[in-house]
N, C-alpha and C. Protein backbone atom coordinates (compact mmCIF):
# COMPACT_ATOMS: atom_id res chain seq x y z
N MET A 1 4.99 77.52 -32.06
CA MET A 1 4.40 77.02 -30.82
C MET A 1 3.53 75.79 -31.13
N GLU A 2 3.67 74.76 -30.34
CA GLU A 2 2.90 73.57 -30.64
C GLU A 2 1.44 73.75 -30.25
N LYS A 3 0.58 73.09 -31.02
CA LYS A 3 -0.86 73.24 -30.80
C LYS A 3 -1.30 72.43 -29.59
N THR A 4 -2.31 72.95 -28.91
CA THR A 4 -2.89 72.26 -27.76
C THR A 4 -3.75 71.12 -28.26
N THR A 5 -3.59 69.94 -27.64
CA THR A 5 -4.37 68.77 -28.04
C THR A 5 -5.51 68.53 -27.04
N ILE A 6 -6.65 68.14 -27.59
CA ILE A 6 -7.84 67.91 -26.77
C ILE A 6 -8.45 66.56 -27.14
N CYS A 7 -8.81 65.80 -26.12
CA CYS A 7 -9.51 64.53 -26.31
C CYS A 7 -10.92 64.70 -25.75
N ILE A 8 -11.92 64.42 -26.58
CA ILE A 8 -13.33 64.49 -26.14
C ILE A 8 -13.86 63.07 -26.06
N LEU A 9 -14.42 62.71 -24.92
CA LEU A 9 -15.05 61.40 -24.74
C LEU A 9 -16.49 61.61 -24.29
N ASP A 10 -17.42 61.26 -25.16
CA ASP A 10 -18.85 61.34 -24.82
C ASP A 10 -19.58 60.33 -25.67
N ASP A 11 -20.42 59.50 -25.03
CA ASP A 11 -21.13 58.47 -25.79
C ASP A 11 -22.24 59.04 -26.69
N GLU A 12 -22.53 60.32 -26.56
CA GLU A 12 -23.47 60.97 -27.47
C GLU A 12 -22.66 61.65 -28.57
N PRO A 13 -22.70 61.12 -29.80
CA PRO A 13 -21.89 61.69 -30.90
C PRO A 13 -22.13 63.19 -31.13
N ILE A 14 -23.33 63.68 -30.82
CA ILE A 14 -23.63 65.10 -31.07
C ILE A 14 -22.71 66.03 -30.28
N VAL A 15 -22.25 65.58 -29.10
CA VAL A 15 -21.37 66.42 -28.29
C VAL A 15 -20.05 66.68 -29.03
N GLY A 16 -19.44 65.61 -29.52
CA GLY A 16 -18.20 65.76 -30.30
C GLY A 16 -18.45 66.51 -31.59
N ASP A 17 -19.61 66.25 -32.23
CA ASP A 17 -19.95 66.93 -33.48
C ASP A 17 -20.08 68.44 -33.28
N ARG A 18 -20.57 68.84 -32.12
CA ARG A 18 -20.73 70.28 -31.81
C ARG A 18 -19.41 70.91 -31.39
N LEU A 19 -18.65 70.21 -30.53
CA LEU A 19 -17.44 70.80 -29.95
C LEU A 19 -16.24 70.80 -30.88
N LYS A 20 -16.05 69.72 -31.63
CA LYS A 20 -14.83 69.58 -32.45
C LYS A 20 -14.61 70.77 -33.40
N PRO A 21 -15.62 71.14 -34.24
CA PRO A 21 -15.36 72.27 -35.16
C PRO A 21 -15.11 73.59 -34.43
N GLU A 22 -15.81 73.82 -33.34
CA GLU A 22 -15.62 75.05 -32.56
C GLU A 22 -14.19 75.12 -32.00
N LEU A 23 -13.74 74.02 -31.44
CA LEU A 23 -12.40 73.97 -30.85
C LEU A 23 -11.33 74.06 -31.93
N GLU A 24 -11.56 73.38 -33.05
CA GLU A 24 -10.59 73.44 -34.15
C GLU A 24 -10.50 74.85 -34.74
N ASP A 25 -11.64 75.55 -34.78
CA ASP A 25 -11.64 76.94 -35.25
C ASP A 25 -10.76 77.82 -34.36
N ASP A 26 -10.65 77.45 -33.07
CA ASP A 26 -9.80 78.18 -32.13
C ASP A 26 -8.35 77.70 -32.16
N GLY A 27 -8.04 76.77 -33.08
CA GLY A 27 -6.65 76.34 -33.25
C GLY A 27 -6.23 75.09 -32.49
N TYR A 28 -7.19 74.41 -31.87
CA TYR A 28 -6.85 73.20 -31.12
C TYR A 28 -6.85 71.98 -32.04
N VAL A 29 -6.08 70.97 -31.66
CA VAL A 29 -6.10 69.68 -32.35
C VAL A 29 -7.01 68.77 -31.52
N VAL A 30 -8.09 68.27 -32.14
CA VAL A 30 -9.13 67.57 -31.38
C VAL A 30 -9.34 66.14 -31.89
N GLU A 31 -9.42 65.21 -30.95
CA GLU A 31 -9.82 63.83 -31.27
C GLU A 31 -11.06 63.53 -30.45
N VAL A 32 -12.04 62.86 -31.10
CA VAL A 32 -13.31 62.57 -30.44
C VAL A 32 -13.51 61.05 -30.34
N PHE A 33 -13.96 60.61 -29.18
CA PHE A 33 -14.25 59.20 -28.95
C PHE A 33 -15.66 59.08 -28.38
N THR A 34 -16.39 58.02 -28.80
CA THR A 34 -17.74 57.80 -28.27
C THR A 34 -17.80 56.58 -27.36
N ASP A 35 -16.65 55.93 -27.16
CA ASP A 35 -16.63 54.84 -26.18
C ASP A 35 -15.32 54.89 -25.38
N SER A 36 -15.44 54.56 -24.11
CA SER A 36 -14.30 54.72 -23.21
C SER A 36 -13.15 53.77 -23.55
N ALA A 37 -13.45 52.58 -24.09
CA ALA A 37 -12.37 51.64 -24.41
C ALA A 37 -11.42 52.23 -25.44
N SER A 38 -11.96 52.84 -26.49
CA SER A 38 -11.10 53.46 -27.52
C SER A 38 -10.32 54.63 -26.95
N ALA A 39 -10.99 55.45 -26.14
CA ALA A 39 -10.33 56.62 -25.54
C ALA A 39 -9.21 56.17 -24.61
N LEU A 40 -9.45 55.13 -23.82
CA LEU A 40 -8.41 54.63 -22.90
C LEU A 40 -7.23 54.06 -23.68
N ALA A 41 -7.50 53.39 -24.79
CA ALA A 41 -6.42 52.85 -25.62
C ALA A 41 -5.56 54.02 -26.13
N ARG A 42 -6.20 55.13 -26.48
CA ARG A 42 -5.48 56.31 -26.99
C ARG A 42 -4.67 56.96 -25.86
N VAL A 43 -5.21 56.98 -24.65
CA VAL A 43 -4.50 57.55 -23.50
C VAL A 43 -3.22 56.75 -23.24
N ASN A 44 -3.27 55.46 -23.51
CA ASN A 44 -2.07 54.63 -23.34
C ASN A 44 -0.99 55.00 -24.35
N GLU A 45 -1.38 55.61 -25.47
CA GLU A 45 -0.43 56.00 -26.52
C GLU A 45 0.08 57.43 -26.33
N THR A 46 -0.79 58.31 -25.86
CA THR A 46 -0.41 59.72 -25.77
C THR A 46 -1.20 60.45 -24.70
N CYS A 47 -0.60 61.49 -24.15
CA CYS A 47 -1.30 62.35 -23.19
C CYS A 47 -1.73 63.63 -23.91
N PHE A 48 -3.01 63.89 -23.93
CA PHE A 48 -3.52 65.14 -24.49
C PHE A 48 -3.32 66.23 -23.45
N ASP A 49 -3.34 67.48 -23.89
CA ASP A 49 -3.23 68.59 -22.94
C ASP A 49 -4.49 68.68 -22.09
N VAL A 50 -5.65 68.55 -22.75
CA VAL A 50 -6.93 68.68 -22.08
C VAL A 50 -7.84 67.53 -22.50
N PHE A 51 -8.53 66.97 -21.52
CA PHE A 51 -9.53 65.93 -21.77
C PHE A 51 -10.89 66.49 -21.38
N ILE A 52 -11.89 66.21 -22.21
CA ILE A 52 -13.27 66.56 -21.88
C ILE A 52 -14.03 65.24 -21.86
N THR A 53 -14.60 64.88 -20.72
CA THR A 53 -15.29 63.59 -20.63
C THR A 53 -16.68 63.71 -20.03
N ASP A 54 -17.57 62.89 -20.57
CA ASP A 54 -18.91 62.75 -20.01
C ASP A 54 -18.77 61.88 -18.76
N LEU A 55 -19.77 61.92 -17.89
CA LEU A 55 -19.70 61.15 -16.66
C LEU A 55 -20.35 59.78 -16.82
N LYS A 56 -21.58 59.75 -17.34
CA LYS A 56 -22.35 58.50 -17.44
C LYS A 56 -22.16 57.87 -18.82
N MET A 57 -21.46 56.72 -18.84
CA MET A 57 -21.23 56.00 -20.09
C MET A 57 -21.18 54.51 -19.83
N GLU A 58 -21.35 53.73 -20.90
CA GLU A 58 -21.18 52.29 -20.82
C GLU A 58 -19.70 51.99 -20.54
N GLY A 59 -19.43 50.83 -19.98
CA GLY A 59 -18.04 50.46 -19.72
C GLY A 59 -17.45 51.33 -18.62
N VAL A 60 -16.25 51.84 -18.86
CA VAL A 60 -15.61 52.72 -17.88
C VAL A 60 -16.34 54.06 -17.91
N ASP A 61 -16.86 54.49 -16.77
CA ASP A 61 -17.57 55.78 -16.74
C ASP A 61 -16.57 56.93 -16.66
N GLY A 62 -17.10 58.15 -16.67
CA GLY A 62 -16.25 59.34 -16.66
C GLY A 62 -15.35 59.43 -15.44
N MET A 63 -15.84 58.97 -14.29
CA MET A 63 -15.03 59.01 -13.06
C MET A 63 -13.84 58.07 -13.20
N GLY A 64 -14.08 56.89 -13.72
CA GLY A 64 -13.00 55.92 -13.94
C GLY A 64 -12.02 56.44 -14.98
N PHE A 65 -12.53 57.08 -16.02
CA PHE A 65 -11.67 57.64 -17.07
C PHE A 65 -10.81 58.76 -16.49
N LEU A 66 -11.43 59.62 -15.68
CA LEU A 66 -10.71 60.71 -15.01
C LEU A 66 -9.55 60.16 -14.18
N GLU A 67 -9.82 59.13 -13.39
CA GLU A 67 -8.77 58.53 -12.54
C GLU A 67 -7.63 57.98 -13.39
N ARG A 68 -7.97 57.31 -14.48
CA ARG A 68 -6.96 56.71 -15.37
C ARG A 68 -6.10 57.80 -16.01
N VAL A 69 -6.75 58.87 -16.47
CA VAL A 69 -6.02 59.97 -17.11
C VAL A 69 -5.06 60.61 -16.11
N LYS A 70 -5.52 60.90 -14.90
CA LYS A 70 -4.67 61.57 -13.91
C LYS A 70 -3.50 60.68 -13.49
N GLU A 71 -3.71 59.36 -13.54
CA GLU A 71 -2.65 58.40 -13.22
C GLU A 71 -1.60 58.39 -14.33
N LYS A 72 -2.06 58.31 -15.57
CA LYS A 72 -1.17 58.17 -16.73
C LYS A 72 -0.61 59.52 -17.19
N CYS A 73 -1.42 60.57 -17.08
CA CYS A 73 -1.05 61.89 -17.60
C CYS A 73 -1.24 62.96 -16.53
N PRO A 74 -0.42 62.96 -15.48
CA PRO A 74 -0.63 63.90 -14.38
C PRO A 74 -0.56 65.37 -14.79
N GLY A 75 0.08 65.67 -15.89
CA GLY A 75 0.17 67.07 -16.34
C GLY A 75 -1.00 67.51 -17.20
N SER A 76 -1.93 66.60 -17.48
CA SER A 76 -3.10 66.95 -18.29
C SER A 76 -4.24 67.43 -17.40
N GLU A 77 -5.13 68.20 -17.98
CA GLU A 77 -6.30 68.67 -17.23
C GLU A 77 -7.56 68.00 -17.79
N VAL A 78 -8.51 67.73 -16.90
CA VAL A 78 -9.75 67.04 -17.30
C VAL A 78 -10.95 67.90 -16.95
N ILE A 79 -11.80 68.10 -17.96
CA ILE A 79 -13.06 68.82 -17.76
C ILE A 79 -14.18 67.78 -17.85
N VAL A 80 -14.98 67.70 -16.80
CA VAL A 80 -16.09 66.74 -16.75
C VAL A 80 -17.37 67.44 -17.16
N ILE A 81 -18.10 66.83 -18.10
CA ILE A 81 -19.41 67.36 -18.49
C ILE A 81 -20.45 66.28 -18.22
N THR A 82 -21.61 66.68 -17.74
CA THR A 82 -22.62 65.67 -17.43
C THR A 82 -24.03 66.23 -17.43
N GLY A 83 -24.95 65.37 -17.81
CA GLY A 83 -26.37 65.70 -17.72
C GLY A 83 -26.91 65.33 -16.35
N TYR A 84 -26.07 64.74 -15.51
CA TYR A 84 -26.49 64.29 -14.18
C TYR A 84 -25.70 65.02 -13.10
N ALA A 85 -25.67 66.32 -13.21
CA ALA A 85 -24.86 67.11 -12.27
C ALA A 85 -25.50 67.16 -10.89
N THR A 86 -24.72 66.76 -9.89
CA THR A 86 -25.14 66.93 -8.50
C THR A 86 -23.93 67.47 -7.76
N MET A 87 -24.16 68.04 -6.61
CA MET A 87 -23.03 68.53 -5.79
C MET A 87 -22.08 67.38 -5.48
N GLU A 88 -22.66 66.22 -5.25
CA GLU A 88 -21.86 65.04 -4.89
C GLU A 88 -20.92 64.64 -6.03
N THR A 89 -21.46 64.55 -7.27
CA THR A 89 -20.61 64.14 -8.39
C THR A 89 -19.60 65.24 -8.72
N ALA A 90 -20.00 66.49 -8.56
CA ALA A 90 -19.07 67.59 -8.82
C ALA A 90 -17.91 67.52 -7.83
N ARG A 91 -18.23 67.36 -6.56
CA ARG A 91 -17.21 67.30 -5.52
C ARG A 91 -16.29 66.10 -5.75
N GLU A 92 -16.88 64.93 -6.03
CA GLU A 92 -16.08 63.72 -6.24
C GLU A 92 -15.12 63.89 -7.42
N SER A 93 -15.61 64.47 -8.52
CA SER A 93 -14.73 64.62 -9.68
C SER A 93 -13.61 65.63 -9.40
N LEU A 94 -13.91 66.69 -8.65
CA LEU A 94 -12.87 67.68 -8.32
C LEU A 94 -11.84 67.08 -7.37
N ILE A 95 -12.29 66.27 -6.42
CA ILE A 95 -11.37 65.60 -5.50
C ILE A 95 -10.45 64.67 -6.27
N LYS A 96 -10.99 64.03 -7.31
CA LYS A 96 -10.20 63.08 -8.10
C LYS A 96 -9.33 63.78 -9.13
N GLY A 97 -9.35 65.12 -9.13
CA GLY A 97 -8.42 65.85 -9.98
C GLY A 97 -8.99 66.55 -11.19
N ALA A 98 -10.33 66.56 -11.35
CA ALA A 98 -10.90 67.27 -12.49
C ALA A 98 -10.59 68.76 -12.38
N TYR A 99 -10.37 69.40 -13.51
CA TYR A 99 -10.10 70.84 -13.52
C TYR A 99 -11.41 71.61 -13.38
N ASP A 100 -12.46 71.12 -14.06
CA ASP A 100 -13.74 71.81 -14.04
C ASP A 100 -14.86 70.80 -14.20
N PHE A 101 -16.07 71.22 -13.86
CA PHE A 101 -17.25 70.37 -13.89
C PHE A 101 -18.36 71.21 -14.51
N ILE A 102 -18.88 70.79 -15.66
CA ILE A 102 -19.87 71.59 -16.38
C ILE A 102 -21.12 70.75 -16.63
N ALA A 103 -22.27 71.29 -16.26
CA ALA A 103 -23.54 70.59 -16.44
C ALA A 103 -24.05 70.75 -17.88
N LYS A 104 -24.66 69.67 -18.39
CA LYS A 104 -25.34 69.74 -19.68
C LYS A 104 -26.76 70.18 -19.42
N PRO A 105 -27.42 70.86 -20.32
CA PRO A 105 -26.85 71.35 -21.58
C PRO A 105 -25.94 72.54 -21.30
N PHE A 106 -24.79 72.56 -21.97
CA PHE A 106 -23.83 73.65 -21.77
C PHE A 106 -23.84 74.56 -22.99
N ARG A 107 -23.30 75.74 -22.80
CA ARG A 107 -23.09 76.65 -23.94
C ARG A 107 -21.67 76.42 -24.43
N ILE A 108 -21.48 76.49 -25.74
CA ILE A 108 -20.15 76.28 -26.32
C ILE A 108 -19.13 77.22 -25.65
N GLY A 109 -19.55 78.45 -25.39
CA GLY A 109 -18.67 79.43 -24.75
C GLY A 109 -18.14 78.97 -23.41
N GLU A 110 -18.98 78.25 -22.65
CA GLU A 110 -18.54 77.73 -21.34
C GLU A 110 -17.39 76.75 -21.52
N ILE A 111 -17.52 75.88 -22.51
CA ILE A 111 -16.48 74.88 -22.77
C ILE A 111 -15.21 75.57 -23.26
N LEU A 112 -15.36 76.51 -24.19
CA LEU A 112 -14.19 77.21 -24.74
C LEU A 112 -13.41 77.93 -23.63
N MET A 113 -14.13 78.57 -22.72
CA MET A 113 -13.48 79.28 -21.61
C MET A 113 -12.77 78.29 -20.68
N ALA A 114 -13.43 77.19 -20.36
CA ALA A 114 -12.83 76.18 -19.48
C ALA A 114 -11.58 75.58 -20.13
N VAL A 115 -11.65 75.32 -21.44
CA VAL A 115 -10.50 74.75 -22.16
C VAL A 115 -9.32 75.73 -22.14
N LYS A 116 -9.62 77.00 -22.37
CA LYS A 116 -8.56 78.02 -22.39
C LYS A 116 -7.83 78.06 -21.04
N LYS A 117 -8.60 78.05 -19.95
CA LYS A 117 -8.00 78.10 -18.61
C LYS A 117 -7.26 76.80 -18.28
N ALA A 118 -7.85 75.66 -18.65
CA ALA A 118 -7.21 74.36 -18.38
C ALA A 118 -5.91 74.24 -19.15
N LYS A 119 -5.89 74.75 -20.39
CA LYS A 119 -4.68 74.71 -21.22
C LYS A 119 -3.55 75.47 -20.55
N LYS A 120 -3.86 76.65 -20.01
CA LYS A 120 -2.84 77.46 -19.33
C LYS A 120 -2.28 76.70 -18.13
N LYS A 121 -3.17 76.07 -17.35
CA LYS A 121 -2.73 75.35 -16.17
C LYS A 121 -1.85 74.16 -16.57
N ALA A 122 -2.25 73.43 -17.60
CA ALA A 122 -1.48 72.26 -18.06
C ALA A 122 -0.09 72.71 -18.53
N ARG A 123 -0.02 73.84 -19.22
CA ARG A 123 1.27 74.37 -19.69
C ARG A 123 2.17 74.72 -18.51
N ARG A 124 1.58 75.39 -17.51
CA ARG A 124 2.37 75.79 -16.33
C ARG A 124 2.92 74.55 -15.62
N GLN A 125 2.10 73.51 -15.49
CA GLN A 125 2.55 72.30 -14.80
C GLN A 125 3.70 71.65 -15.54
N ARG A 126 3.63 71.65 -16.87
CA ARG A 126 4.70 71.03 -17.66
C ARG A 126 6.00 71.82 -17.56
N ALA A 127 5.88 73.13 -17.38
CA ALA A 127 7.05 74.00 -17.32
C ALA A 127 7.83 73.83 -16.02
N GLN A 128 7.17 73.30 -14.99
CA GLN A 128 7.81 73.16 -13.67
C GLN A 128 8.82 72.04 -13.65
């Protein structure tokens, strides 16, 4: 069975540093980006199964990244994480196709659970 691929985009390196080993321990293949330009260049090359993106960043923000991913990789799922969680941003990201919206500071378990569910949904969509 092929491994699930995950792309993490957060301008705070600590987020990727915390999540990558945890996700890899669960058997996922993880790539981490700290700037949206590099992450977008990678999206042009490949579609990951699951994307985890921060909302507030320099350059293309998380909302713009979410839109680009859903355009290029409609079968992928996007989990938005943010330190600026409001009902408005949560609603906007869900309307634009985010699978889940998680406020920082988050617990690793919250992310792992969201990834597990998003992975199942992405697999089902590809099977159709």
